[in-house]
Structures are given as C-alpha cells and as structure tokens.
C-alpha cells in the first residue's frame, strides 16, 4: 500500500539525486557550462527584424558565440554583421550605390582602376577586383559623416585586435560592449536614408 509507494518515491529520489550529481561532475570535467542568456541585450535581439537574410545569420551566430562565452568569435561575427549591414545599406539605394562607386573608382594605381564597380552585394566579395573592408568604409565617409566613419573604424580596429593571434584579453563585458557599439553603428547607418 502506502508504504510501498513511499519506498518507491524514496528510491526514485535517490536515483534522481545520484543522476544530478553524476551529470554535475561530468559538466565540470568536460568544462561544459550553461548558456549565458543575459549576455544578449534586448536591443541586439530586436535588431534582427531590420537585417538582411545574411545579416540574420550573422546575428544568430553572434548570439550563439556570446551565450557560450566564445568572445573572440563573438566579436568577429558582430563585425561581419556590421559589414553586411553596411553593404546592404549601400546596395539598397541607387543614389547611395552611385556615390559609393564614384568614390571607389577614384582610387587608381598608375592611372588604372584598382577596383571593379559594385553592382550587387556579392560584388563586395566575389568580384575579381572587389574592395576590402577599409576601402568600403572610406568610400562612404562623405555619406555617413566623420563621426560614424570614426566609430566604424574603431570597431574595425577592435575586431582586428581580437581576430588575430595575440595576448589581448577579451572578457564578457568587452564583448557585450562591442556588440552594443555595433548596434549603435547599424542604427546610425539605417537612419541615414
């Protein structure tokens, strides 16, 4: 009767306690941790709605990286999201694209164009003479203004610091601060219609 059920519950509780203890030890031994949902701000989460399809992928990867504590990868993905947003913004407007190409085609070496005209988003990376990130950023300085241009260059410098093998330390606060800076940049760009 009742004592049989009590005995079963006591044994079940004992098994559950042992299983939890074993899993906890395995998590410590394997260095597995819990996901840090608090590392992702509401501002960054809600940014997804305004992004391109490729931007949404970089956004999701950035979230995954910061949640598991892969802060260097987080910075690289957040930067990639920033560049994707810049490229999408340039391509989205014919006048902006024309202005960008005008600046791009001014860059010459021995009277020859260094870069190909950008017509599609893919031309930013697939064209034989596609411009690098710094060139893209510099070609939109007149449209964006010096303040936003400087913020983008600072973000690029930070990405370069953390994306390459070195002793630079990157902890959660710096990574989440970097994400916040990227959101500010994307917001500022999207407001420049």
N, C-alpha and C. Protein backbone atom coordinates (compact mmCIF):
# COMPACT_ATOMS: atom_id res chain seq x y z
N UNK A 1 0.78 -1.17 0.00
CA UNK A 1 0.00 0.00 0.00
C UNK A 1 0.84 1.26 0.00
N UNK A 2 0.51 2.08 1.00
CA UNK A 2 1.10 3.41 1.06
C UNK A 2 2.59 3.36 1.33
N UNK A 3 3.05 2.47 2.17
CA UNK A 3 4.48 2.41 2.47
C UNK A 3 5.28 1.94 1.25
N UNK A 4 4.67 1.10 0.41
CA UNK A 4 5.32 0.66 -0.83
C UNK A 4 5.55 1.85 -1.76
N UNK A 5 4.56 2.72 -1.86
CA UNK A 5 4.69 3.92 -2.70
C UNK A 5 5.76 4.84 -2.10
N UNK A 6 5.75 4.99 -0.78
CA UNK A 6 6.76 5.82 -0.12
C UNK A 6 8.16 5.29 -0.39
N UNK A 7 8.31 3.97 -0.30
CA UNK A 7 9.63 3.37 -0.55
C UNK A 7 10.08 3.63 -2.00
N UNK A 8 9.13 3.50 -2.93
CA UNK A 8 9.45 3.76 -4.34
C UNK A 8 9.87 5.21 -4.55
N UNK A 9 9.13 6.14 -3.93
CA UNK A 9 9.47 7.55 -4.06
C UNK A 9 10.84 7.85 -3.47
N UNK A 10 11.16 7.23 -2.36
CA UNK A 10 12.49 7.44 -1.74
C UNK A 10 13.58 6.91 -2.66
N UNK A 11 13.38 5.73 -3.25
CA UNK A 11 14.37 5.18 -4.20
C UNK A 11 14.48 6.06 -5.45
N UNK A 12 13.33 6.54 -5.97
CA UNK A 12 13.33 7.40 -7.14
C UNK A 12 14.09 8.69 -6.84
N UNK A 13 13.83 9.28 -5.69
CA UNK A 13 14.53 10.50 -5.29
C UNK A 13 16.02 10.24 -5.19
N UNK A 14 16.38 9.12 -4.68
CA UNK A 14 17.80 8.75 -4.55
C UNK A 14 18.46 8.61 -5.92
N UNK A 15 17.75 7.98 -6.85
CA UNK A 15 18.27 7.82 -8.23
C UNK A 15 18.41 9.19 -8.92
N UNK A 16 17.41 10.04 -8.74
CA UNK A 16 17.46 11.36 -9.36
C UNK A 16 18.62 12.17 -8.78
N UNK A 17 18.78 12.13 -7.47
CA UNK A 17 19.88 12.85 -6.82
C UNK A 17 21.23 12.34 -7.33
N UNK A 18 21.37 11.02 -7.47
CA UNK A 18 22.63 10.44 -7.97
C UNK A 18 22.87 10.85 -9.42
N UNK A 19 21.82 10.87 -10.23
CA UNK A 19 21.96 11.27 -11.64
C UNK A 19 22.36 12.73 -11.75
N UNK A 20 21.76 13.59 -10.95
CA UNK A 20 22.11 15.02 -10.97
C UNK A 20 23.55 15.19 -10.54
N UNK A 21 23.96 14.48 -9.51
CA UNK A 21 25.34 14.57 -9.04
C UNK A 21 26.32 14.12 -10.11
N UNK A 22 26.00 13.01 -10.77
CA UNK A 22 26.87 12.49 -11.83
C UNK A 22 26.95 13.48 -13.00
N UNK A 23 25.81 14.04 -13.41
CA UNK A 23 25.81 14.98 -14.53
C UNK A 23 26.57 16.26 -14.17
N UNK A 24 26.44 16.71 -12.93
CA UNK A 24 27.17 17.90 -12.49
C UNK A 24 28.67 17.66 -12.56
N UNK A 25 29.11 16.49 -12.10
CA UNK A 25 30.54 16.15 -12.16
C UNK A 25 31.01 16.07 -13.61
N UNK A 26 30.19 15.49 -14.48
CA UNK A 26 30.56 15.40 -15.90
C UNK A 26 30.65 16.78 -16.54
N UNK A 27 29.74 17.69 -16.17
CA UNK A 27 29.80 19.05 -16.71
C UNK A 27 31.09 19.73 -16.30
N UNK A 28 31.49 19.57 -15.03
CA UNK A 28 32.73 20.18 -14.56
C UNK A 28 33.92 19.55 -15.27
N UNK A 29 33.94 18.23 -15.37
CA UNK A 29 35.05 17.53 -16.02
C UNK A 29 35.17 17.87 -17.50
N UNK A 30 34.04 18.05 -18.17
CA UNK A 30 34.08 18.36 -19.61
C UNK A 30 34.13 19.85 -19.86
N UNK A 31 34.15 20.63 -18.77
CA UNK A 31 34.18 22.09 -18.85
C UNK A 31 32.95 22.65 -19.58
N UNK A 32 31.88 21.90 -19.60
CA UNK A 32 30.64 22.38 -20.20
C UNK A 32 30.00 23.37 -19.24
N UNK A 33 29.33 24.32 -19.79
CA UNK A 33 28.69 25.31 -18.94
C UNK A 33 27.29 25.60 -19.42
N UNK A 34 26.64 26.42 -18.69
CA UNK A 34 25.30 26.83 -19.07
C UNK A 34 25.39 28.00 -20.04
N UNK A 35 24.39 28.15 -20.85
CA UNK A 35 24.35 29.27 -21.78
C UNK A 35 24.02 30.55 -21.03
N UNK A 36 24.69 31.63 -21.37
CA UNK A 36 24.52 32.91 -20.69
C UNK A 36 23.55 33.78 -21.50
N UNK A 37 22.26 33.61 -21.22
CA UNK A 37 21.24 34.39 -21.93
C UNK A 37 21.29 35.87 -21.59
N UNK A 38 21.81 36.20 -20.42
CA UNK A 38 21.86 37.61 -20.01
C UNK A 38 22.91 38.40 -20.80
N UNK A 39 23.77 37.71 -21.54
CA UNK A 39 24.80 38.40 -22.34
C UNK A 39 24.21 39.03 -23.59
N UNK A 40 22.99 38.66 -23.93
CA UNK A 40 22.36 39.17 -25.16
C UNK A 40 21.33 40.23 -24.77
N UNK A 41 21.61 41.47 -25.16
CA UNK A 41 20.70 42.56 -24.80
C UNK A 41 19.42 42.49 -25.64
N UNK A 42 18.38 43.09 -25.11
CA UNK A 42 17.12 43.18 -25.85
C UNK A 42 17.31 44.00 -27.12
N UNK A 43 18.15 45.04 -27.04
CA UNK A 43 18.44 45.88 -28.21
C UNK A 43 19.05 45.06 -29.33
N UNK A 44 20.00 44.19 -28.97
CA UNK A 44 20.64 43.38 -30.00
C UNK A 44 19.66 42.34 -30.54
N UNK A 45 18.89 41.73 -29.66
CA UNK A 45 17.90 40.74 -30.11
C UNK A 45 16.91 41.35 -31.09
N UNK A 46 16.42 42.55 -30.80
CA UNK A 46 15.40 43.16 -31.65
C UNK A 46 15.96 43.71 -32.96
N UNK A 47 17.28 43.81 -33.05
CA UNK A 47 17.91 44.29 -34.29
C UNK A 47 17.63 43.35 -35.46
N UNK A 48 17.42 42.09 -35.16
CA UNK A 48 17.25 41.06 -36.19
C UNK A 48 16.18 41.42 -37.22
N UNK A 49 15.11 42.08 -36.77
CA UNK A 49 13.98 42.41 -37.65
C UNK A 49 14.37 43.30 -38.82
N UNK A 50 15.42 44.12 -38.64
CA UNK A 50 15.80 45.08 -39.69
C UNK A 50 16.95 44.59 -40.57
N UNK A 51 17.35 43.33 -40.41
CA UNK A 51 18.55 42.83 -41.11
C UNK A 51 18.20 42.08 -42.40
N UNK A 52 19.20 41.99 -43.28
CA UNK A 52 19.07 41.18 -44.49
C UNK A 52 19.07 39.70 -44.09
N UNK A 53 18.80 38.82 -45.03
CA UNK A 53 18.82 37.38 -44.72
C UNK A 53 20.19 36.95 -44.24
N UNK A 54 21.24 37.39 -44.92
CA UNK A 54 22.59 37.03 -44.47
C UNK A 54 22.90 37.68 -43.13
N UNK A 55 22.41 38.90 -42.93
CA UNK A 55 22.60 39.57 -41.65
C UNK A 55 21.97 38.81 -40.50
N UNK A 56 20.82 38.22 -40.77
CA UNK A 56 20.14 37.43 -39.73
C UNK A 56 20.99 36.22 -39.32
N UNK A 57 21.70 35.62 -40.26
CA UNK A 57 22.59 34.50 -39.94
C UNK A 57 23.75 34.96 -39.07
N UNK A 58 24.38 36.10 -39.41
CA UNK A 58 25.49 36.62 -38.61
C UNK A 58 25.00 37.03 -37.23
N UNK A 59 23.81 37.57 -37.18
CA UNK A 59 23.18 37.96 -35.91
C UNK A 59 23.04 36.73 -35.01
N UNK A 60 22.49 35.66 -35.57
CA UNK A 60 22.28 34.43 -34.81
C UNK A 60 23.62 33.83 -34.35
N UNK A 61 24.63 33.84 -35.21
CA UNK A 61 25.95 33.32 -34.83
C UNK A 61 26.57 34.16 -33.71
N UNK A 62 26.38 35.48 -33.77
CA UNK A 62 26.91 36.35 -32.72
C UNK A 62 26.26 36.00 -31.39
N UNK A 63 24.96 35.79 -31.40
CA UNK A 63 24.25 35.41 -30.18
C UNK A 63 24.77 34.09 -29.64
N UNK A 64 24.92 33.10 -30.50
CA UNK A 64 25.43 31.79 -30.05
C UNK A 64 26.81 31.94 -29.41
N UNK A 65 27.67 32.72 -30.04
CA UNK A 65 29.04 32.88 -29.54
C UNK A 65 29.07 33.56 -28.17
N UNK A 66 28.31 34.65 -28.01
CA UNK A 66 28.35 35.36 -26.73
C UNK A 66 27.70 34.52 -25.64
N UNK A 67 26.67 33.75 -25.97
CA UNK A 67 25.99 32.92 -24.96
C UNK A 67 26.89 31.81 -24.42
N UNK A 68 27.78 31.28 -25.26
CA UNK A 68 28.66 30.20 -24.78
C UNK A 68 30.01 30.73 -24.28
N UNK A 69 30.22 32.03 -24.40
CA UNK A 69 31.47 32.61 -23.90
C UNK A 69 32.61 32.57 -24.91
N UNK A 70 32.30 32.39 -26.18
CA UNK A 70 33.32 32.43 -27.24
C UNK A 70 33.44 33.88 -27.69
N UNK A 71 34.11 34.70 -26.88
CA UNK A 71 34.07 36.14 -27.07
C UNK A 71 34.83 36.63 -28.30
N UNK A 72 35.95 36.00 -28.62
CA UNK A 72 36.66 36.40 -29.84
C UNK A 72 35.79 36.12 -31.07
N UNK A 73 35.20 34.95 -31.11
CA UNK A 73 34.31 34.60 -32.22
C UNK A 73 33.10 35.53 -32.25
N UNK A 74 32.64 35.93 -31.09
CA UNK A 74 31.52 36.87 -30.98
C UNK A 74 31.87 38.19 -31.66
N UNK A 75 33.06 38.71 -31.38
CA UNK A 75 33.49 39.98 -31.96
C UNK A 75 33.61 39.86 -33.48
N UNK A 76 34.19 38.76 -33.95
CA UNK A 76 34.34 38.57 -35.39
C UNK A 76 32.97 38.50 -36.07
N UNK A 77 32.03 37.77 -35.48
CA UNK A 77 30.68 37.67 -36.05
C UNK A 77 29.93 39.00 -35.99
N UNK A 78 30.09 39.74 -34.90
CA UNK A 78 29.42 41.04 -34.79
C UNK A 78 29.99 41.99 -35.86
N UNK A 79 31.30 41.94 -36.10
CA UNK A 79 31.89 42.78 -37.14
C UNK A 79 31.35 42.38 -38.52
N UNK A 80 31.25 41.09 -38.75
CA UNK A 80 30.73 40.61 -40.04
C UNK A 80 29.30 41.09 -40.23
N UNK A 81 28.52 41.08 -39.17
CA UNK A 81 27.16 41.63 -39.21
C UNK A 81 27.19 43.11 -39.57
N UNK A 82 28.12 43.85 -38.99
CA UNK A 82 28.25 45.28 -39.28
C UNK A 82 28.56 45.49 -40.76
N UNK A 83 29.53 44.76 -41.30
CA UNK A 83 29.88 44.92 -42.71
C UNK A 83 28.73 44.50 -43.62
N UNK A 84 28.03 43.44 -43.27
CA UNK A 84 26.87 43.02 -44.05
C UNK A 84 25.82 44.13 -44.07
N UNK A 85 25.62 44.77 -42.94
CA UNK A 85 24.64 45.87 -42.85
C UNK A 85 25.08 47.06 -43.70
N UNK A 86 26.37 47.36 -43.68
CA UNK A 86 26.90 48.46 -44.49
C UNK A 86 26.71 48.14 -45.97
N UNK A 87 27.07 46.94 -46.37
CA UNK A 87 26.92 46.54 -47.78
C UNK A 87 25.46 46.57 -48.20
N UNK A 88 24.58 46.04 -47.38
CA UNK A 88 23.14 46.06 -47.69
C UNK A 88 22.63 47.48 -47.82
N UNK A 89 23.09 48.36 -46.94
CA UNK A 89 22.66 49.76 -46.95
C UNK A 89 23.13 50.46 -48.22
N UNK A 90 24.35 50.20 -48.65
CA UNK A 90 24.87 50.80 -49.88
C UNK A 90 24.04 50.34 -51.08
N UNK A 91 23.80 49.06 -51.17
CA UNK A 91 23.11 48.46 -52.31
C UNK A 91 21.62 48.85 -52.36
N UNK A 92 21.04 49.13 -51.22
CA UNK A 92 19.59 49.37 -51.13
C UNK A 92 19.11 50.63 -51.83
N UNK A 93 20.02 51.54 -52.15
CA UNK A 93 19.61 52.82 -52.71
C UNK A 93 20.51 53.14 -53.91
N UNK A 94 19.89 53.38 -55.07
CA UNK A 94 20.67 53.64 -56.30
C UNK A 94 21.57 54.86 -56.17
N UNK A 95 21.10 55.91 -55.53
CA UNK A 95 21.92 57.12 -55.38
C UNK A 95 23.12 56.85 -54.48
N UNK A 96 22.89 56.10 -53.40
CA UNK A 96 23.99 55.75 -52.49
C UNK A 96 25.01 54.88 -53.21
N UNK A 97 24.51 53.88 -53.95
CA UNK A 97 25.40 52.99 -54.70
C UNK A 97 26.21 53.77 -55.72
N UNK A 98 25.58 54.70 -56.39
CA UNK A 98 26.27 55.53 -57.38
C UNK A 98 27.36 56.37 -56.71
N UNK A 99 27.04 56.97 -55.58
CA UNK A 99 28.01 57.78 -54.84
C UNK A 99 29.17 56.91 -54.36
N UNK A 100 28.85 55.72 -53.87
CA UNK A 100 29.89 54.79 -53.42
C UNK A 100 30.82 54.43 -54.58
N UNK A 101 30.24 54.06 -55.71
CA UNK A 101 31.05 53.67 -56.87
C UNK A 101 31.89 54.84 -57.39
N UNK A 102 31.33 56.03 -57.32
CA UNK A 102 32.08 57.21 -57.75
C UNK A 102 33.36 57.35 -56.92
N UNK A 103 33.23 57.19 -55.60
CA UNK A 103 34.40 57.25 -54.72
C UNK A 103 35.35 56.08 -54.97
N UNK A 104 34.77 54.90 -55.14
CA UNK A 104 35.57 53.69 -55.34
C UNK A 104 36.41 53.78 -56.62
N UNK A 105 35.81 54.28 -57.67
CA UNK A 105 36.50 54.32 -58.96
C UNK A 105 37.49 55.49 -59.06
N UNK A 106 37.53 56.37 -58.06
CA UNK A 106 38.55 57.41 -58.00
C UNK A 106 39.91 56.82 -57.59
N UNK A 107 39.87 55.66 -56.96
CA UNK A 107 41.09 55.05 -56.45
C UNK A 107 41.80 54.35 -57.60
N UNK A 108 42.98 54.84 -57.90
CA UNK A 108 43.71 54.33 -59.06
C UNK A 108 45.16 54.03 -58.68
N UNK A 109 45.75 53.16 -59.43
CA UNK A 109 47.18 52.88 -59.33
C UNK A 109 47.73 52.95 -60.75
N UNK A 110 48.68 53.83 -60.95
CA UNK A 110 49.26 54.03 -62.30
C UNK A 110 48.15 54.29 -63.33
N UNK A 111 47.23 55.16 -62.97
CA UNK A 111 46.12 55.55 -63.84
C UNK A 111 45.14 54.41 -64.17
N UNK A 112 45.22 53.32 -63.47
CA UNK A 112 44.32 52.19 -63.68
C UNK A 112 43.41 52.04 -62.46
N UNK A 113 42.14 51.69 -62.71
CA UNK A 113 41.24 51.40 -61.60
C UNK A 113 41.74 50.18 -60.84
N UNK A 114 41.74 50.30 -59.54
CA UNK A 114 42.14 49.17 -58.69
C UNK A 114 40.95 48.25 -58.46
N UNK A 115 39.76 48.85 -58.38
CA UNK A 115 38.56 48.10 -58.02
C UNK A 115 37.55 48.09 -59.15
N UNK A 116 36.72 47.06 -59.15
CA UNK A 116 35.61 46.96 -60.10
C UNK A 116 34.40 47.69 -59.50
N UNK A 117 33.56 48.21 -60.36
CA UNK A 117 32.32 48.83 -59.92
C UNK A 117 31.47 47.78 -59.21
N UNK A 118 30.84 48.18 -58.12
CA UNK A 118 29.95 47.30 -57.36
C UNK A 118 28.53 47.47 -57.90
N UNK A 119 27.92 46.36 -58.31
CA UNK A 119 26.55 46.41 -58.82
C UNK A 119 25.59 45.60 -57.95
N UNK A 120 26.12 44.55 -57.33
CA UNK A 120 25.32 43.69 -56.45
C UNK A 120 26.07 43.51 -55.14
N UNK A 121 25.38 43.04 -54.14
CA UNK A 121 26.02 42.82 -52.85
C UNK A 121 27.19 41.84 -52.97
N UNK A 122 27.02 40.84 -53.80
CA UNK A 122 28.07 39.83 -53.98
C UNK A 122 29.36 40.43 -54.53
N UNK A 123 29.24 41.54 -55.27
CA UNK A 123 30.44 42.20 -55.82
C UNK A 123 31.39 42.68 -54.73
N UNK A 124 30.89 42.84 -53.52
CA UNK A 124 31.77 43.26 -52.42
C UNK A 124 32.82 42.19 -52.09
N UNK A 125 32.52 40.94 -52.42
CA UNK A 125 33.49 39.89 -52.11
C UNK A 125 33.80 38.95 -53.27
N UNK A 126 32.95 38.89 -54.29
CA UNK A 126 33.17 37.95 -55.38
C UNK A 126 33.85 38.55 -56.61
N UNK A 127 33.74 39.85 -56.79
CA UNK A 127 34.33 40.48 -57.98
C UNK A 127 35.85 40.31 -57.95
N UNK A 128 36.42 40.20 -59.14
CA UNK A 128 37.87 39.99 -59.24
C UNK A 128 38.63 41.12 -58.54
N UNK A 129 38.13 42.33 -58.66
CA UNK A 129 38.78 43.47 -58.03
C UNK A 129 37.85 44.07 -56.97
N UNK A 130 37.41 43.25 -56.03
CA UNK A 130 36.48 43.73 -55.01
C UNK A 130 37.23 44.53 -53.94
N UNK A 131 36.57 45.54 -53.38
CA UNK A 131 37.21 46.38 -52.37
C UNK A 131 37.26 45.69 -51.01
N UNK A 132 38.31 45.97 -50.26
CA UNK A 132 38.39 45.47 -48.88
C UNK A 132 37.51 46.28 -47.96
N UNK A 133 37.40 45.82 -46.73
CA UNK A 133 36.52 46.48 -45.76
C UNK A 133 36.88 47.95 -45.55
N UNK A 134 38.14 48.23 -45.36
CA UNK A 134 38.55 49.62 -45.09
C UNK A 134 38.21 50.52 -46.28
N UNK A 135 38.41 50.01 -47.49
CA UNK A 135 38.08 50.79 -48.69
C UNK A 135 36.59 51.09 -48.74
N UNK A 136 35.77 50.07 -48.47
CA UNK A 136 34.30 50.27 -48.46
C UNK A 136 33.94 51.35 -47.44
N UNK A 137 34.50 51.24 -46.26
CA UNK A 137 34.19 52.20 -45.18
C UNK A 137 34.61 53.62 -45.58
N UNK A 138 35.80 53.74 -46.16
CA UNK A 138 36.28 55.07 -46.56
C UNK A 138 35.45 55.66 -47.70
N UNK A 139 34.94 54.82 -48.58
CA UNK A 139 34.15 55.31 -49.72
C UNK A 139 32.77 55.83 -49.31
N UNK A 140 32.33 55.53 -48.10
CA UNK A 140 31.02 56.03 -47.65
C UNK A 140 31.15 57.12 -46.59
N UNK A 141 32.38 57.52 -46.29
CA UNK A 141 32.58 58.54 -45.26
C UNK A 141 31.79 59.82 -45.55
N UNK A 142 31.80 60.27 -46.81
CA UNK A 142 31.09 61.50 -47.15
C UNK A 142 29.58 61.36 -46.94
N UNK A 143 29.04 60.18 -47.16
CA UNK A 143 27.60 59.96 -46.98
C UNK A 143 27.27 59.87 -45.49
N UNK A 144 28.10 59.15 -44.74
CA UNK A 144 27.82 58.90 -43.32
C UNK A 144 28.23 60.05 -42.41
N UNK A 145 29.28 60.73 -42.77
CA UNK A 145 29.84 61.76 -41.90
C UNK A 145 31.01 61.21 -41.11
N UNK A 146 31.84 62.13 -40.64
CA UNK A 146 33.08 61.74 -39.98
C UNK A 146 32.85 60.99 -38.67
N UNK A 147 31.83 61.38 -37.90
CA UNK A 147 31.59 60.76 -36.59
C UNK A 147 31.28 59.26 -36.72
N UNK A 148 30.35 58.91 -37.58
CA UNK A 148 30.01 57.49 -37.77
C UNK A 148 31.20 56.76 -38.41
N UNK A 149 31.85 57.40 -39.35
CA UNK A 149 33.03 56.80 -40.01
C UNK A 149 34.08 56.43 -38.96
N UNK A 150 34.34 57.33 -38.05
CA UNK A 150 35.33 57.08 -37.00
C UNK A 150 34.90 55.92 -36.10
N UNK A 151 33.63 55.86 -35.78
CA UNK A 151 33.12 54.75 -34.93
C UNK A 151 33.28 53.40 -35.63
N UNK A 152 33.02 53.39 -36.94
CA UNK A 152 33.18 52.15 -37.71
C UNK A 152 34.65 51.74 -37.73
N UNK A 153 35.55 52.70 -37.93
CA UNK A 153 36.99 52.38 -37.95
C UNK A 153 37.46 51.86 -36.59
N UNK A 154 36.94 52.42 -35.52
CA UNK A 154 37.28 51.94 -34.18
C UNK A 154 36.82 50.49 -34.01
N UNK A 155 35.61 50.19 -34.48
CA UNK A 155 35.09 48.82 -34.40
C UNK A 155 35.96 47.87 -35.24
N UNK A 156 36.41 48.33 -36.40
CA UNK A 156 37.29 47.52 -37.23
C UNK A 156 38.62 47.28 -36.52
N UNK A 157 39.19 48.31 -35.91
CA UNK A 157 40.44 48.15 -35.16
C UNK A 157 40.27 47.14 -34.03
N UNK A 158 39.16 47.24 -33.30
CA UNK A 158 38.90 46.29 -32.21
C UNK A 158 38.76 44.87 -32.75
N UNK A 159 38.03 44.72 -33.86
CA UNK A 159 37.91 43.40 -34.47
C UNK A 159 39.29 42.86 -34.83
N UNK A 160 40.13 43.70 -35.44
CA UNK A 160 41.47 43.26 -35.81
C UNK A 160 42.29 42.84 -34.59
N UNK A 161 42.12 43.55 -33.49
CA UNK A 161 42.83 43.21 -32.25
C UNK A 161 42.46 41.81 -31.78
N UNK A 162 41.18 41.49 -31.80
CA UNK A 162 40.73 40.23 -31.23
C UNK A 162 40.65 39.08 -32.22
N UNK A 163 40.72 39.37 -33.51
CA UNK A 163 40.58 38.31 -34.52
C UNK A 163 41.90 37.63 -34.82
N UNK A 164 42.99 38.19 -34.36
CA UNK A 164 44.31 37.64 -34.68
C UNK A 164 44.98 37.09 -33.43
N UNK A 165 45.85 36.13 -33.63
CA UNK A 165 46.55 35.51 -32.51
C UNK A 165 47.41 36.56 -31.80
N UNK A 166 47.08 36.80 -30.55
CA UNK A 166 47.85 37.73 -29.73
C UNK A 166 47.45 37.51 -28.27
N UNK A 167 48.00 38.31 -27.39
CA UNK A 167 47.71 38.13 -25.97
C UNK A 167 46.59 39.04 -25.47
N UNK A 168 45.92 39.75 -26.39
CA UNK A 168 44.82 40.63 -25.99
C UNK A 168 43.73 39.81 -25.31
N UNK A 169 43.34 40.26 -24.13
CA UNK A 169 42.31 39.54 -23.38
C UNK A 169 40.93 40.12 -23.68
N UNK A 170 40.00 39.24 -23.79
CA UNK A 170 38.63 39.66 -24.10
C UNK A 170 37.69 38.93 -23.16
N UNK A 171 37.05 39.68 -22.29
CA UNK A 171 36.08 39.08 -21.39
C UNK A 171 34.67 39.52 -21.78
N UNK A 172 33.72 39.01 -21.06
CA UNK A 172 32.30 39.21 -21.37
C UNK A 172 31.94 40.68 -21.54
N UNK A 173 32.36 41.54 -20.61
CA UNK A 173 31.98 42.95 -20.66
C UNK A 173 32.49 43.62 -21.93
N UNK A 174 33.70 43.31 -22.34
CA UNK A 174 34.23 43.90 -23.57
C UNK A 174 33.44 43.40 -24.78
N UNK A 175 33.12 42.11 -24.80
CA UNK A 175 32.38 41.53 -25.93
C UNK A 175 30.98 42.13 -26.01
N UNK A 176 30.29 42.23 -24.88
CA UNK A 176 28.94 42.80 -24.92
C UNK A 176 28.99 44.29 -25.23
N UNK A 177 30.04 44.98 -24.79
CA UNK A 177 30.22 46.39 -25.14
C UNK A 177 30.45 46.55 -26.63
N UNK A 178 31.22 45.63 -27.21
CA UNK A 178 31.47 45.67 -28.66
C UNK A 178 30.17 45.46 -29.42
N UNK A 179 29.37 44.50 -28.98
CA UNK A 179 28.06 44.26 -29.63
C UNK A 179 27.21 45.52 -29.55
N UNK A 180 27.21 46.17 -28.41
CA UNK A 180 26.43 47.41 -28.24
C UNK A 180 26.91 48.49 -29.21
N UNK A 181 28.24 48.60 -29.37
CA UNK A 181 28.79 49.56 -30.34
C UNK A 181 28.34 49.24 -31.76
N UNK A 182 28.31 47.96 -32.10
CA UNK A 182 27.88 47.54 -33.44
C UNK A 182 26.40 47.89 -33.65
N UNK A 183 25.58 47.69 -32.63
CA UNK A 183 24.16 48.06 -32.73
C UNK A 183 24.03 49.57 -32.96
N UNK A 184 24.83 50.36 -32.24
CA UNK A 184 24.81 51.81 -32.42
C UNK A 184 25.16 52.18 -33.86
N UNK A 185 26.19 51.54 -34.39
CA UNK A 185 26.63 51.82 -35.77
C UNK A 185 25.54 51.45 -36.76
N UNK A 186 24.98 50.26 -36.63
CA UNK A 186 23.92 49.81 -37.55
C UNK A 186 22.71 50.73 -37.46
N UNK A 187 22.33 51.11 -36.23
CA UNK A 187 21.21 52.06 -36.06
C UNK A 187 21.50 53.37 -36.76
N UNK A 188 22.70 53.89 -36.59
CA UNK A 188 23.06 55.17 -37.20
C UNK A 188 23.05 55.08 -38.72
N UNK A 189 23.54 53.98 -39.25
CA UNK A 189 23.56 53.79 -40.70
C UNK A 189 22.13 53.69 -41.24
N UNK A 190 21.31 52.90 -40.58
CA UNK A 190 19.94 52.70 -41.07
C UNK A 190 19.12 53.98 -41.00
N UNK A 191 19.50 54.90 -40.13
CA UNK A 191 18.79 56.18 -40.04
C UNK A 191 19.23 57.16 -41.11
N UNK A 192 20.32 56.87 -41.79
CA UNK A 192 20.83 57.73 -42.89
C UNK A 192 20.21 57.26 -44.20
N UNK A 193 18.98 57.58 -44.41
CA UNK A 193 18.26 57.08 -45.59
C UNK A 193 18.52 57.88 -46.81
